[in-house]
C-alpha atoms as a PDB file:
ATOM      1  CA  MET A   1       0.066  -0.060  -0.021  1.00  0.00           C
ATOM      2  CA  GLU A   2       1.206   3.612  -0.877  1.00  0.00           C
ATOM      3  CA  THR A   3       2.311   5.808   1.806  1.00  0.00           C
ATOM      4  CA  LEU A   4       0.129   8.904   2.218  1.00  0.00           C
ATOM      5  CA  SER A   5       1.084  12.541   3.908  1.00  0.00           C
ATOM      6  CA  GLU A   6      -0.419  12.978   7.186  1.00  0.00           C
ATOM      7  CA  ARG A   7      -2.148  15.974   5.217  1.00  0.00           C
ATOM      8  CA  GLU A   8      -3.571  13.442   2.584  1.00  0.00           C
ATOM      9  CA  LYS A   9      -4.449  11.072   5.631  1.00  0.00           C
ATOM     10  CA  SER A  10      -6.739  13.820   7.445  1.00  0.00           C
ATOM     11  CA  VAL A  11      -8.436  14.920   4.438  1.00  0.00           C
ATOM     12  CA  LEU A  12      -9.331  11.180   3.475  1.00  0.00           C
ATOM     13  CA  ARG A  13     -10.333  10.177   6.983  1.00  0.00           C
ATOM     14  CA  HIS A  14     -12.731  13.224   7.063  1.00  0.00           C
ATOM     15  CA  VAL A  15     -14.281  12.976   3.554  1.00  0.00           C
ATOM     16  CA  ILE A  16     -15.018   8.932   4.637  1.00  0.00           C
ATOM     17  CA  ARG A  17     -16.230   9.873   8.100  1.00  0.00           C
ATOM     18  CA  ASN A  18     -18.731  12.702   6.514  1.00  0.00           C
ATOM     19  CA  PHE A  19     -19.648  10.178   3.908  1.00  0.00           C
ATOM     20  CA  ILE A  20     -20.470   7.510   6.124  1.00  0.00           C
ATOM     21  CA  LEU A  21     -22.683   9.853   8.183  1.00  0.00           C
ATOM     22  CA  THR A  22     -24.361  11.646   5.089  1.00  0.00           C
ATOM     23  CA  ALA A  23     -24.188   9.104   2.176  1.00  0.00           C
ATOM     24  CA  ALA A  24     -23.590  12.475   0.354  1.00  0.00           C
ATOM     25  CA  PRO A  25     -20.203  13.617  -1.705  1.00  0.00           C
ATOM     26  CA  VAL A  26     -18.179  15.808   0.660  1.00  0.00           C
ATOM     27  CA  GLY A  27     -17.254  18.989  -0.379  1.00  0.00           C
ATOM     28  CA  SER A  28     -13.789  21.119   0.708  1.00  0.00           C
ATOM     29  CA  ARG A  29     -15.767  23.806   2.117  1.00  0.00           C
ATOM     30  CA  HIS A  30     -17.645  21.567   4.239  1.00  0.00           C
ATOM     31  CA  ILE A  31     -14.478  20.173   5.640  1.00  0.00           C
ATOM     32  CA  SER A  32     -12.718  23.221   6.085  1.00  0.00           C
ATOM     33  CA  LYS A  33     -15.796  24.459   8.434  1.00  0.00           C
ATOM     34  CA  THR A  34     -16.537  21.418  10.391  1.00  0.00           C
ATOM     35  CA  ALA A  35     -13.344  19.456  10.673  1.00  0.00           C
ATOM     36  CA  GLY A  36     -11.427  21.726  12.722  1.00  0.00           C
ATOM     37  CA  ILE A  37      -8.220  20.645  10.860  1.00  0.00           C
ATOM     38  CA  GLY A  38      -6.588  23.907  10.119  1.00  0.00           C
ATOM     39  CA  TYR A  39      -6.511  23.699   6.497  1.00  0.00           C
ATOM     40  CA  SER A  40      -8.103  26.242   4.232  1.00  0.00           C
ATOM     41  CA  ALA A  41     -10.875  25.210   1.480  1.00  0.00           C
ATOM     42  CA  ALA A  42      -8.343  25.752  -1.325  1.00  0.00           C
ATOM     43  CA  THR A  43      -5.518  23.639   0.243  1.00  0.00           C
ATOM     44  CA  ILE A  44      -8.287  20.879   0.730  1.00  0.00           C
ATOM     45  CA  ARG A  45      -9.661  21.000  -2.475  1.00  0.00           C
ATOM     46  CA  ASN A  46      -5.873  20.481  -3.576  1.00  0.00           C
ATOM     47  CA  VAL A  47      -5.382  17.536  -1.788  1.00  0.00           C
ATOM     48  CA  MET A  48      -8.763  15.914  -2.759  1.00  0.00           C
ATOM     49  CA  ALA A  49      -7.817  16.462  -6.237  1.00  0.00           C
ATOM     50  CA  ASP A  50      -4.526  14.609  -5.397  1.00  0.00           C
ATOM     51  CA  LEU A  51      -6.360  11.828  -3.687  1.00  0.00           C
ATOM     52  CA  GLU A  52      -8.847  11.370  -6.783  1.00  0.00           C
ATOM     53  CA  GLU A  53      -5.875  11.203  -9.157  1.00  0.00           C
ATOM     54  CA  SER A  54      -4.346   8.620  -7.105  1.00  0.00           C
ATOM     55  CA  GLY A  55      -7.716   6.480  -7.021  1.00  0.00           C
ATOM     56  CA  TYR A  56      -8.790   6.926  -3.179  1.00  0.00           C
ATOM     57  CA  LEU A  57     -11.816   9.313  -4.238  1.00  0.00           C
ATOM     58  CA  GLU A  58     -14.117   9.816  -6.949  1.00  0.00           C
ATOM     59  CA  HIS A  59     -16.106  12.837  -8.186  1.00  0.00           C
ATOM     60  CA  PRO A  60     -19.471  11.458  -8.702  1.00  0.00           C
ATOM     61  CA  HIS A  61     -21.553  12.914 -11.485  1.00  0.00           C
ATOM     62  CA  THR A  62     -21.707  16.855 -11.387  1.00  0.00           C
ATOM     63  CA  SER A  63     -21.513  17.316  -7.648  1.00  0.00           C
ATOM     64  CA  ALA A  64     -18.624  19.599  -6.268  1.00  0.00           C
ATOM     65  CA  GLY A  65     -17.971  17.070  -3.626  1.00  0.00           C
ATOM     66  CA  ARG A  66     -16.077  13.848  -3.697  1.00  0.00           C
ATOM     67  CA  ALA A  67     -16.878  10.170  -2.251  1.00  0.00           C
ATOM     68  CA  PRO A  68     -14.535   7.469  -1.589  1.00  0.00           C
ATOM     69  CA  THR A  69     -13.565   4.592  -3.809  1.00  0.00           C
ATOM     70  CA  ASP A  70     -13.203   1.038  -2.740  1.00  0.00           C
ATOM     71  CA  LYS A  71      -9.322   1.816  -2.468  1.00  0.00           C
ATOM     72  CA  GLY A  72     -10.151   4.856  -0.391  1.00  0.00           C
ATOM     73  CA  TYR A  73     -12.243   2.638   1.953  1.00  0.00           C
ATOM     74  CA  ARG A  74      -9.549  -0.116   2.314  1.00  0.00           C
ATOM     75  CA  TYR A  75      -6.819   2.543   3.212  1.00  0.00           C
ATOM     76  CA  TYR A  76      -9.323   3.831   5.907  1.00  0.00           C
ATOM     77  CA  VAL A  77      -9.837   0.762   7.115  1.00  0.00           C
ATOM     78  CA  ASP A  78      -6.320  -0.639   7.275  1.00  0.00           C
ATOM     79  CA  SER A  79      -4.735   2.441   8.415  1.00  0.00           C
ATOM     80  CA  LEU A  80      -6.890   5.324   9.447  1.00  0.00           C
ATOM     81  CA  MET A  81      -9.827   3.839  11.134  1.00  0.00           C
ATOM     82  CA  ARG A  82      -9.701   4.154  15.207  1.00  0.00           C
ATOM     83  CA  ALA A  83     -10.858   1.014  17.272  1.00  0.00           C
ATOM     84  CA  ALA A  84     -14.166   1.835  18.539  1.00  0.00           C
ATOM     85  CA  ARG A  85     -15.570   0.515  22.002  1.00  0.00           C
ATOM     86  CA  LEU A  86     -19.113  -0.724  22.694  1.00  0.00           C
ATOM     87  CA  SER A  87     -21.253   1.376  24.590  1.00  0.00           C
ATOM     88  CA  LYS A  88     -22.395  -0.185  27.973  1.00  0.00           C
ATOM     89  CA  ARG A  89     -25.961  -0.242  26.482  1.00  0.00           C
ATOM     90  CA  ASP A  90     -24.799  -2.548  23.365  1.00  0.00           C
ATOM     91  CA  ARG A  91     -22.675  -4.746  26.001  1.00  0.00           C
ATOM     92  CA  GLU A  92     -25.866  -5.048  28.238  1.00  0.00           C
ATOM     93  CA  LYS A  93     -27.978  -5.670  25.173  1.00  0.00           C
ATOM     94  CA  ILE A  94     -25.732  -8.404  24.090  1.00  0.00           C
ATOM     95  CA  ALA A  95     -25.258 -10.238  27.071  1.00  0.00           C
ATOM     96  CA  GLY A  96     -29.067 -10.126  27.858  1.00  0.00           C
ATOM     97  CA  ARG A  97     -29.817 -11.808  24.730  1.00  0.00           C
ATOM     98  CA  LEU A  98     -27.211 -14.132  24.918  1.00  0.00           C
ATOM     99  CA  ASP A  99     -27.758 -15.539  28.143  1.00  0.00           C
ATOM    100  CA  PRO A 100     -27.474 -19.152  28.067  1.00  0.00           C
ATOM    101  CA  SER A 101     -29.698 -19.753  30.853  1.00  0.00           C
ATOM    102  CA  ALA A 102     -32.690 -18.169  29.055  1.00  0.00           C
ATOM    103  CA  LEU A 103     -31.811 -19.281  25.307  1.00  0.00           C
ATOM    104  CA  ASP A 104     -32.828 -22.764  23.837  1.00  0.00           C
ATOM    105  CA  SER A 105     -29.610 -24.241  22.393  1.00  0.00           C
ATOM    106  CA  ASP A 106     -31.385 -25.153  19.089  1.00  0.00           C
ATOM    107  CA  LEU A 107     -32.021 -21.670  18.671  1.00  0.00           C
ATOM    108  CA  VAL A 108     -28.641 -19.917  19.225  1.00  0.00           C
ATOM    109  CA  VAL A 109     -27.618 -19.438  15.490  1.00  0.00           C
ATOM    110  CA  ASP A 110     -31.069 -17.455  14.896  1.00  0.00           C
ATOM    111  CA  ALA A 111     -30.933 -15.517  17.952  1.00  0.00           C
ATOM    112  CA  VAL A 112     -27.521 -14.392  17.400  1.00  0.00           C
ATOM    113  CA  SER A 113     -28.161 -13.562  13.997  1.00  0.00           C
ATOM    114  CA  LYS A 114     -31.473 -11.274  14.912  1.00  0.00           C
ATOM    115  CA  LEU A 115     -29.310  -9.652  17.535  1.00  0.00           C
ATOM    116  CA  LEU A 116     -26.223  -8.845  15.456  1.00  0.00           C
ATOM    117  CA  SER A 117     -28.773  -7.447  12.871  1.00  0.00           C
ATOM    118  CA  ASP A 118     -30.467  -5.326  15.288  1.00  0.00           C
ATOM    119  CA  VAL A 119     -27.382  -3.741  16.769  1.00  0.00           C
ATOM    120  CA  THR A 120     -25.588  -3.149  13.459  1.00  0.00           C
ATOM    121  CA  ARG A 121     -28.547  -2.146  11.818  1.00  0.00           C
ATOM    122  CA  GLN A 122     -27.457  -4.317   9.000  1.00  0.00           C
ATOM    123  CA  LEU A 123     -28.109  -7.604   7.218  1.00  0.00           C
ATOM    124  CA  ALA A 124     -26.736 -10.392   9.346  1.00  0.00           C
ATOM    125  CA  CYS A 125     -25.816 -13.901   8.669  1.00  0.00           C
ATOM    126  CA  VAL A 126     -24.644 -16.661  11.423  1.00  0.00           C
ATOM    127  CA  MET A 127     -23.557 -19.983   9.656  1.00  0.00           C
ATOM    128  CA  TYR A 128     -23.447 -23.272  11.659  1.00  0.00           C
ATOM    129  CA  PRO A 129     -20.114 -24.622  12.479  1.00  0.00           C
ATOM    130  CA  ARG A 130     -18.507 -26.516   9.942  1.00  0.00           C
ATOM    131  CA  ILE A 131     -19.058 -29.722  11.143  1.00  0.00           C
ATOM    132  CA  ALA A 132     -16.698 -31.393   8.923  1.00  0.00           C
ATOM    133  CA  SER A 133     -13.707 -30.097  10.941  1.00  0.00           C
ATOM    134  CA  GLY A 134     -15.121 -31.568  14.134  1.00  0.00           C
ATOM    135  CA  THR A 135     -14.409 -34.982  15.823  1.00  0.00           C
ATOM    136  CA  LEU A 136     -16.882 -37.694  15.216  1.00  0.00           C
ATOM    137  CA  GLU A 137     -18.175 -39.095  18.731  1.00  0.00           C
ATOM    138  CA  LYS A 138     -20.308 -41.806  17.455  1.00  0.00           C
ATOM    139  CA  ILE A 139     -22.581 -43.095  14.480  1.00  0.00           C
ATOM    140  CA  GLN A 140     -25.993 -44.380  14.864  1.00  0.00           C
ATOM    141  CA  LEU A 141     -27.991 -46.149  12.427  1.00  0.00           C
ATOM    142  CA  VAL A 142     -31.775 -46.134  12.595  1.00  0.00           C
ATOM    143  CA  GLU A 143     -33.887 -48.154  10.548  1.00  0.00           C
ATOM    144  CA  LEU A 144     -36.780 -45.979   9.072  1.00  0.00           C
ATOM    145  CA  SER A 145     -38.443 -49.008   6.934  1.00  0.00           C
ATOM    146  CA  PRO A 146     -37.015 -52.063   5.662  1.00  0.00           C
ATOM    147  CA  ASN A 147     -35.142 -50.523   3.065  1.00  0.00           C
ATOM    148  CA  ARG A 148     -34.534 -46.959   4.337  1.00  0.00           C
ATOM    149  CA  LEU A 149     -31.680 -46.262   6.713  1.00  0.00           C
ATOM    150  CA  LEU A 150     -31.042 -43.029   9.080  1.00  0.00           C
ATOM    151  CA  VAL A 151     -27.512 -42.085   9.515  1.00  0.00           C
ATOM    152  CA  VAL A 152     -26.992 -40.193  12.660  1.00  0.00           C
ATOM    153  CA  MET A 153     -23.498 -38.852  13.108  1.00  0.00           C
ATOM    154  CA  THR A 154     -22.637 -37.031  16.653  1.00  0.00           C
ATOM    155  CA  VAL A 155     -19.744 -34.415  16.422  1.00  0.00           C
ATOM    156  CA  ARG A 156     -18.087 -33.512  19.508  1.00  0.00           C
ATOM    157  CA  ALA A 157     -19.692 -30.270  20.641  1.00  0.00           C
ATOM    158  CA  GLY A 158     -23.024 -31.639  20.411  1.00  0.00           C
ATOM    159  CA  LEU A 159     -23.142 -31.055  16.703  1.00  0.00           C
ATOM    160  CA  VAL A 160     -25.139 -33.704  15.038  1.00  0.00           C
ATOM    161  CA  LYS A 161     -25.513 -34.496  10.910  1.00  0.00           C
ATOM    162  CA  THR A 162     -28.241 -36.642   9.697  1.00  0.00           C
ATOM    163  CA  ILE A 163     -28.485 -38.518   6.341  1.00  0.00           C
ATOM    164  CA  THR A 164     -31.262 -40.845   4.970  1.00  0.00           C
ATOM    165  CA  LEU A 165     -29.643 -43.581   2.738  1.00  0.00           C
ATOM    166  CA  GLU A 166     -32.218 -45.986   0.352  1.00  0.00           C
ATOM    167  CA  LEU A 167     -30.990 -49.344   0.598  1.00  0.00           C
ATOM    168  CA  ASP A 168     -30.982 -51.992  -2.360  1.00  0.00           C
ATOM    169  CA  SER A 169     -32.671 -54.697  -0.127  1.00  0.00           C
ATOM    170  CA  ASP A 170     -34.086 -55.215   3.400  1.00  0.00           C
ATOM    171  CA  VAL A 171     -31.718 -55.341   6.286  1.00  0.00           C
ATOM    172  CA  GLU A 172     -32.137 -56.930   9.749  1.00  0.00           C
ATOM    173  CA  PRO A 173     -31.354 -55.183  13.142  1.00  0.00           C
ATOM    174  CA  ARG A 174     -28.543 -57.569  13.684  1.00  0.00           C
ATOM    175  CA  GLN A 175     -26.700 -56.163  10.582  1.00  0.00           C
ATOM    176  CA  LEU A 176     -27.352 -52.654  11.768  1.00  0.00           C
ATOM    177  CA  GLU A 177     -25.818 -53.352  15.241  1.00  0.00           C
ATOM    178  CA  GLU A 178     -22.922 -55.169  13.280  1.00  0.00           C
ATOM    179  CA  ALA A 179     -22.242 -52.361  10.907  1.00  0.00           C
ATOM    180  CA  GLN A 180     -22.792 -49.554  13.835  1.00  0.00           C
ATOM    181  CA  THR A 181     -20.299 -51.239  15.818  1.00  0.00           C
ATOM    182  CA  LEU A 182     -17.618 -51.647  12.951  1.00  0.00           C
ATOM    183  CA  LEU A 183     -18.149 -48.022  11.843  1.00  0.00           C
ATOM    184  CA  ASN A 184     -17.813 -46.668  15.607  1.00  0.00           C
ATOM    185  CA  GLU A 185     -14.766 -49.023  16.294  1.00  0.00           C
ATOM    186  CA  ARG A 186     -12.891 -47.536  13.610  1.00  0.00           C
ATOM    187  CA  LEU A 187     -14.021 -43.870  12.864  1.00  0.00           C
ATOM    188  CA  ALA A 188     -14.595 -42.490  16.252  1.00  0.00           C
ATOM    189  CA  GLY A 189     -11.934 -39.805  17.283  1.00  0.00           C
ATOM    190  CA  LEU A 190     -11.421 -38.937  13.645  1.00  0.00           C
ATOM    191  CA  THR A 191     -12.642 -35.939  11.812  1.00  0.00           C
ATOM    192  CA  LEU A 192     -15.375 -36.142   8.993  1.00  0.00           C
ATOM    193  CA  GLY A 193     -12.523 -34.608   6.646  1.00  0.00           C
ATOM    194  CA  GLU A 194     -10.142 -37.474   7.803  1.00  0.00           C
ATOM    195  CA  ILE A 195     -12.645 -40.095   7.567  1.00  0.00           C
ATOM    196  CA  ARG A 196     -13.400 -38.952   4.041  1.00  0.00           C
ATOM    197  CA  GLU A 197     -10.010 -39.516   3.360  1.00  0.00           C
ATOM    198  CA  THR A 198      -9.011 -42.545   4.744  1.00  0.00           C
ATOM    199  CA  PHE A 199     -12.353 -44.623   4.964  1.00  0.00           C
ATOM    200  CA  ALA A 200     -11.534 -47.366   2.217  1.00  0.00           C
ATOM    201  CA  GLU A 201      -8.011 -48.009   4.033  1.00  0.00           C
ATOM    202  CA  ARG A 202      -9.617 -48.244   7.461  1.00  0.00           C
ATOM    203  CA  MET A 203     -12.552 -50.373   6.472  1.00  0.00           C
ATOM    204  CA  LYS A 204     -11.050 -52.487   3.956  1.00  0.00           C
ATOM    205  CA  ASP A 205     -10.285 -55.611   5.990  1.00  0.00           C
ATOM    206  CA  ALA A 206     -13.727 -55.391   8.047  1.00  0.00           C
ATOM    207  CA  ASP A 207     -14.743 -58.930   8.421  1.00  0.00           C
ATOM    208  CA  SER A 208     -18.614 -59.136   8.711  1.00  0.00           C
ATOM    209  CA  LYS A 209     -21.121 -60.792   6.312  1.00  0.00           C
ATOM    210  CA  GLY A 210     -24.017 -59.449   7.997  1.00  0.00           C
ATOM    211  CA  ALA A 211     -22.676 -56.098   8.080  1.00  0.00           C
ATOM    212  CA  ARG A 212     -21.066 -55.926   4.272  1.00  0.00           C
ATOM    213  CA  PRO A 213     -24.433 -54.610   2.720  1.00  0.00           C
ATOM    214  CA  ILE A 214     -24.501 -51.638   4.638  1.00  0.00           C
ATOM    215  CA  LEU A 215     -20.941 -51.291   4.880  1.00  0.00           C
ATOM    216  CA  ASN A 216     -20.990 -50.967   1.053  1.00  0.00           C
ATOM    217  CA  ILE A 217     -23.155 -48.332   0.886  1.00  0.00           C
ATOM    218  CA  PHE A 218     -20.915 -46.329   2.904  1.00  0.00           C
ATOM    219  CA  PHE A 219     -17.962 -47.067   0.473  1.00  0.00           C
ATOM    220  CA  ASP A 220     -19.780 -46.078  -2.306  1.00  0.00           C
ATOM    221  CA  ARG A 221     -21.123 -42.617  -0.911  1.00  0.00           C
ATOM    222  CA  VAL A 222     -18.213 -41.817   1.473  1.00  0.00           C
ATOM    223  CA  ASP A 223     -17.704 -38.268  -0.226  1.00  0.00           C
ATOM    224  CA  LYS A 224     -21.418 -37.537   0.445  1.00  0.00           C
ATOM    225  CA  LEU A 225     -21.670 -38.945   3.798  1.00  0.00           C
ATOM    226  CA  PHE A 226     -18.616 -37.106   5.341  1.00  0.00           C
ATOM    227  CA  VAL A 227     -18.747 -33.748   3.903  1.00  0.00           C
ATOM    228  CA  ASP A 228     -19.991 -30.518   5.175  1.00  0.00           C
ATOM    229  CA  ASP A 229     -20.903 -28.283   2.228  1.00  0.00           C
ATOM    230  CA  PRO A 230     -21.737 -24.442   3.171  1.00  0.00           C
ATOM    231  CA  THR A 231     -25.428 -24.425   2.032  1.00  0.00           C
ATOM    232  CA  PRO A 232     -28.038 -21.721   2.687  1.00  0.00           C
ATOM    233  CA  ASP A 233     -29.879 -24.048   5.281  1.00  0.00           C
ATOM    234  CA  LYS A 234     -26.873 -24.087   7.365  1.00  0.00           C
ATOM    235  CA  ALA A 235     -27.187 -20.320   8.201  1.00  0.00           C
ATOM    236  CA  ALA A 236     -29.520 -18.008   9.503  1.00  0.00           C
ATOM    237  CA  VAL A 237     -29.834 -14.703   7.855  1.00  0.00           C
ATOM    238  CA  THR A 238     -31.893 -11.675   9.169  1.00  0.00           C
ATOM    239  CA  GLY A 239     -32.206  -7.618   8.921  1.00  0.00           C
ATOM    240  CA  ALA A 240     -33.191  -7.408   5.261  1.00  0.00           C
ATOM    241  CA  SER A 241     -35.272  -4.665   6.316  1.00  0.00           C
ATOM    242  CA  HIS A 242     -32.288  -2.757   7.579  1.00  0.00           C
ATOM    243  CA  LEU A 243     -30.461  -2.926   4.254  1.00  0.00           C
ATOM    244  CA  VAL A 244     -33.370  -1.583   1.830  1.00  0.00           C
ATOM    245  CA  LYS A 245     -33.698   1.508   4.112  1.00  0.00           C
ATOM    246  CA  GLN A 246     -30.352   2.585   3.247  1.00  0.00           C
ATOM    247  CA  PRO A 247     -30.309   5.737   1.001  1.00  0.00           C
ATOM    248  CA  GLU A 248     -27.633   4.643  -1.742  1.00  0.00           C
ATOM    249  CA  PHE A 249     -30.399   1.974  -2.525  1.00  0.00           C
ATOM    250  CA  ASP A 250     -33.077   4.167  -3.065  1.00  0.00           C
ATOM    251  CA  ALA A 251     -32.821   3.984  -6.906  1.00  0.00           C
ATOM    252  CA  PRO A 252     -35.252   1.214  -8.299  1.00  0.00           C
ATOM    253  CA  GLU A 253     -32.402  -0.338 -10.110  1.00  0.00           C
ATOM    254  CA  LYS A 254     -30.246  -0.589  -6.583  1.00  0.00           C
ATOM    255  CA  PHE A 255     -33.292  -1.737  -4.749  1.00  0.00           C
ATOM    256  CA  ARG A 256     -33.941  -4.651  -7.247  1.00  0.00           C
ATOM    257  CA  GLY A 257     -30.351  -5.432  -6.544  1.00  0.00           C
ATOM    258  CA  VAL A 258     -30.708  -5.666  -2.899  1.00  0.00           C
ATOM    259  CA  VAL A 259     -33.771  -7.779  -3.235  1.00  0.00           C
ATOM    260  CA  GLU A 260     -32.258 -10.200  -5.549  1.00  0.00           C
ATOM    261  CA  MET A 261     -29.351 -10.844  -3.041  1.00  0.00           C
ATOM    262  CA  ILE A 262     -31.360 -11.252  -0.158  1.00  0.00           C
ATOM    263  CA  GLU A 263     -33.403 -13.510  -1.944  1.00  0.00           C
ATOM    264  CA  GLU A 264     -30.131 -15.456  -3.222  1.00  0.00           C
ATOM    265  CA  ARG A 265     -29.261 -16.803   0.379  1.00  0.00           C
ATOM    266  CA  ASP A 266     -26.884 -19.088  -1.128  1.00  0.00           C
ATOM    267  CA  MET A 267     -24.958 -16.165  -2.507  1.00  0.00           C
ATOM    268  CA  ILE A 268     -24.934 -14.626   0.964  1.00  0.00           C
ATOM    269  CA  VAL A 269     -23.615 -17.824   2.438  1.00  0.00           C
ATOM    270  CA  HIS A 270     -20.774 -18.246  -0.204  1.00  0.00           C
ATOM    271  CA  ILE A 271     -19.781 -14.440   0.771  1.00  0.00           C
ATOM    272  CA  MET A 272     -19.505 -15.438   4.567  1.00  0.00           C
ATOM    273  CA  GLU A 273     -17.627 -18.714   3.786  1.00  0.00           C
ATOM    274  CA  LYS A 274     -15.167 -17.180   1.725  1.00  0.00           C
ATOM    275  CA  SER A 275     -14.705 -13.895   3.539  1.00  0.00           C
ATOM    276  CA  SER A 276     -14.357 -15.760   6.879  1.00  0.00           C
ATOM    277  CA  LYS A 277     -10.964 -17.363   5.844  1.00  0.00           C
ATOM    278  CA  GLY A 278      -8.333 -15.678   8.042  1.00  0.00           C
ATOM    279  CA  ALA A 279     -11.064 -14.310  10.422  1.00  0.00           C
ATOM    280  CA  ALA A 280      -9.897 -16.465  13.140  1.00  0.00           C
ATOM    281  CA  GLU A 281      -8.566 -14.170  16.059  1.00  0.00           C
ATOM    282  CA  ARG A 282     -10.402 -10.723  14.495  1.00  0.00           C
ATOM    283  CA  ALA A 283     -12.817  -9.531  12.291  1.00  0.00           C
ATOM    284  CA  THR A 284     -11.915  -9.153   8.321  1.00  0.00           C
ATOM    285  CA  VAL A 285     -13.699  -6.919   5.877  1.00  0.00           C
ATOM    286  CA  ALA A 286     -14.076  -7.299   2.577  1.00  0.00           C
ATOM    287  CA  ILE A 287     -15.023  -4.031   0.349  1.00  0.00           C
ATOM    288  CA  GLY A 288     -16.897  -3.953  -2.851  1.00  0.00           C
ATOM    289  CA  LYS A 289     -15.109  -5.398  -5.779  1.00  0.00           C
ATOM    290  CA  GLU A 290     -12.863  -7.302  -3.514  1.00  0.00           C
ATOM    291  CA  LEU A 291     -16.047  -9.739  -3.287  1.00  0.00           C
ATOM    292  CA  GLU A 292     -15.346 -10.503  -6.689  1.00  0.00           C
ATOM    293  CA  ASP A 293     -18.830 -10.316  -7.859  1.00  0.00           C
ATOM    294  CA  GLU A 294     -20.300  -7.552  -9.835  1.00  0.00           C
ATOM    295  CA  GLN A 295     -23.493  -7.874  -8.206  1.00  0.00           C
ATOM    296  CA  LEU A 296     -21.613  -7.381  -4.815  1.00  0.00           C
ATOM    297  CA  ASP A 297     -19.740  -4.183  -5.926  1.00  0.00           C
ATOM    298  CA  ASP A 298     -21.991  -1.747  -3.797  1.00  0.00           C
ATOM    299  CA  TYR A 299     -21.474  -3.675  -0.513  1.00  0.00           C
ATOM    300  CA  SER A 300     -19.000  -4.700   2.061  1.00  0.00           C
ATOM    301  CA  VAL A 301     -18.781  -7.592   4.320  1.00  0.00           C
ATOM    302  CA  VAL A 302     -17.235  -8.058   8.133  1.00  0.00           C
ATOM    303  CA  VAL A 303     -17.133 -11.296   9.133  1.00  0.00           C
ATOM    304  CA  ARG A 304     -15.571 -13.277  12.203  1.00  0.00           C
ATOM    305  CA  GLU A 305     -15.233 -16.998  13.266  1.00  0.00           C
ATOM    306  CA  TYR A 306     -16.625 -18.395  16.327  1.00  0.00           C
ATOM    307  CA  LYS A 307     -15.480 -21.493  18.032  1.00  0.00           C
ATOM    308  CA  VAL A 308     -17.340 -24.909  19.114  1.00  0.00           C
ATOM    309  CA  GLY A 309     -14.962 -27.203  20.817  1.00  0.00           C
ATOM    310  CA  ASN A 310     -12.625 -27.694  17.689  1.00  0.00           C
ATOM    311  CA  THR A 311     -14.955 -26.744  15.383  1.00  0.00           C
ATOM    312  CA  ALA A 312     -15.702 -23.384  13.641  1.00  0.00           C
ATOM    313  CA  GLY A 313     -18.615 -21.431  12.366  1.00  0.00           C
ATOM    314  CA  ALA A 314     -18.644 -17.844  11.304  1.00  0.00           C
ATOM    315  CA  LEU A 315     -20.838 -14.472  11.795  1.00  0.00           C
ATOM    316  CA  GLY A 316     -21.044 -11.321  10.290  1.00  0.00           C
ATOM    317  CA  VAL A 317     -22.861  -8.468   8.309  1.00  0.00           C
ATOM    318  CA  VAL A 318     -23.487  -7.266   4.741  1.00  0.00           C
ATOM    319  CA  GLY A 319     -24.251  -3.650   4.110  1.00  0.00           C
ATOM    320  CA  PRO A 320     -23.174  -1.004   2.143  1.00  0.00           C
ATOM    321  CA  LYS A 321     -19.673   0.251   1.654  1.00  0.00           C
ATOM    322  CA  ARG A 322     -20.619   3.411   3.753  1.00  0.00           C
ATOM    323  CA  MET A 323     -21.100   1.298   7.085  1.00  0.00           C
ATOM    324  CA  GLU A 324     -19.553   2.581  10.212  1.00  0.00           C
ATOM    325  CA  TYR A 325     -16.810   0.047  10.064  1.00  0.00           C
ATOM    326  CA  SER A 326     -15.142   0.679  13.638  1.00  0.00           C
ATOM    327  CA  LYS A 327     -18.462   0.071  15.171  1.00  0.00           C
ATOM    328  CA  VAL A 328     -19.477  -2.899  13.164  1.00  0.00           C
ATOM    329  CA  VAL A 329     -15.971  -4.635  13.477  1.00  0.00           C
ATOM    330  CA  ALA A 330     -16.189  -4.015  17.383  1.00  0.00           C
ATOM    331  CA  ILE A 331     -19.754  -5.569  17.314  1.00  0.00           C
ATOM    332  CA  VAL A 332     -18.809  -8.580  15.085  1.00  0.00           C
ATOM    333  CA  ASP A 333     -15.729  -9.198  17.392  1.00  0.00           C
ATOM    334  CA  TYR A 334     -17.466  -8.766  20.793  1.00  0.00           C
ATOM    335  CA  ILE A 335     -20.677 -10.964  19.809  1.00  0.00           C
ATOM    336  CA  ALA A 336     -18.212 -13.683  17.968  1.00  0.00           C
ATOM    337  CA  ASN A 337     -15.882 -13.970  21.469  1.00  0.00           C
ATOM    338  CA  THR A 338     -19.208 -14.088  23.709  1.00  0.00           C
ATOM    339  CA  LEU A 339     -20.856 -16.708  21.700  1.00  0.00           C
ATOM    340  CA  THR A 340     -17.460 -18.754  21.542  1.00  0.00           C
ATOM    341  CA  GLU A 341     -17.645 -18.372  25.373  1.00  0.00           C
ATOM    342  CA  MET A 342     -20.862 -19.215  26.088  1.00  0.00           C
ATOM    343  CA  LEU A 343     -20.725 -22.473  23.902  1.00  0.00           C
ATOM    344  CA  LYS A 344     -17.334 -23.443  25.631  1.00  0.00           C
ATOM    345  CA  ASN A 345     -19.661 -23.353  28.890  1.00  0.00           C
ATOM    346  CA  PRO A 346     -22.945 -24.015  27.655  1.00  0.00           C
ATOM    347  CA  ASN A 347     -24.104 -24.917  31.254  1.00  0.00           C
END
């Protein structure tokens, strides 16, 4: 990243902070009157022209003011943004709504998504933990009908994955018991990813004629049984109403774009999954074209991982590039840390 002078940094910071508040291009005269940075309007105008030439600001339409570009926002987030501290009110609100004694464990993800959306006033998404990185505790085989089988996989930290299998022939309870015993003896304690990679080797000498028809199904479908794809039903997405109220989306074509994105939950999940890489310790920010999808050029994403034992999920927000990054980053980090602690000590 190129180095800006202190004067350029000061002007860029004030342009972005004013644009975040007003959603309107910022003029040099406004900054000279309100920012208290000691530069004349003419000096600020010259600095803004230099920042525009360097790609940090743009001159929208016929306006006399400037607006930040993706490059400008990126420099702001990486070098100029000051860390925000959550207000006591926000901390109390988060603590009250993430009280383990009052929250049904099955509804944690939905509750966190609604809370994150309410506090940030953005579209929020919380993804369930990536079960494939968890350690298998046990497999249970449940007969649904003579030729239909329910596979229940329990992963450490209480996560459960279920799959229904169609059988080519009827099976007896004894066969289910034998297959279940063999699978648990050889697979318990491994991650689903390890099982997927080594299943054939671990089960090749399993000597049980009764269990063989069931084990053959596992051999044939190992890649589907022991995988965890990030699909829309593994995430809670809330707060669409906050997004459509943003002034930059007032124009009909922009509004349609927001509605289309909200309706495509798989796109939101994909954004979160991709952006969460590298977000284990602190929230990461992806801005506009960094999301590598033309449909998302007007958005930014702030995302952070949370932990459930040795597995990880992700939570974050999708909003306009004009979002208040310092506050949103602080909220996302705080909720991720709070959720991790809560799930570490569920009782």
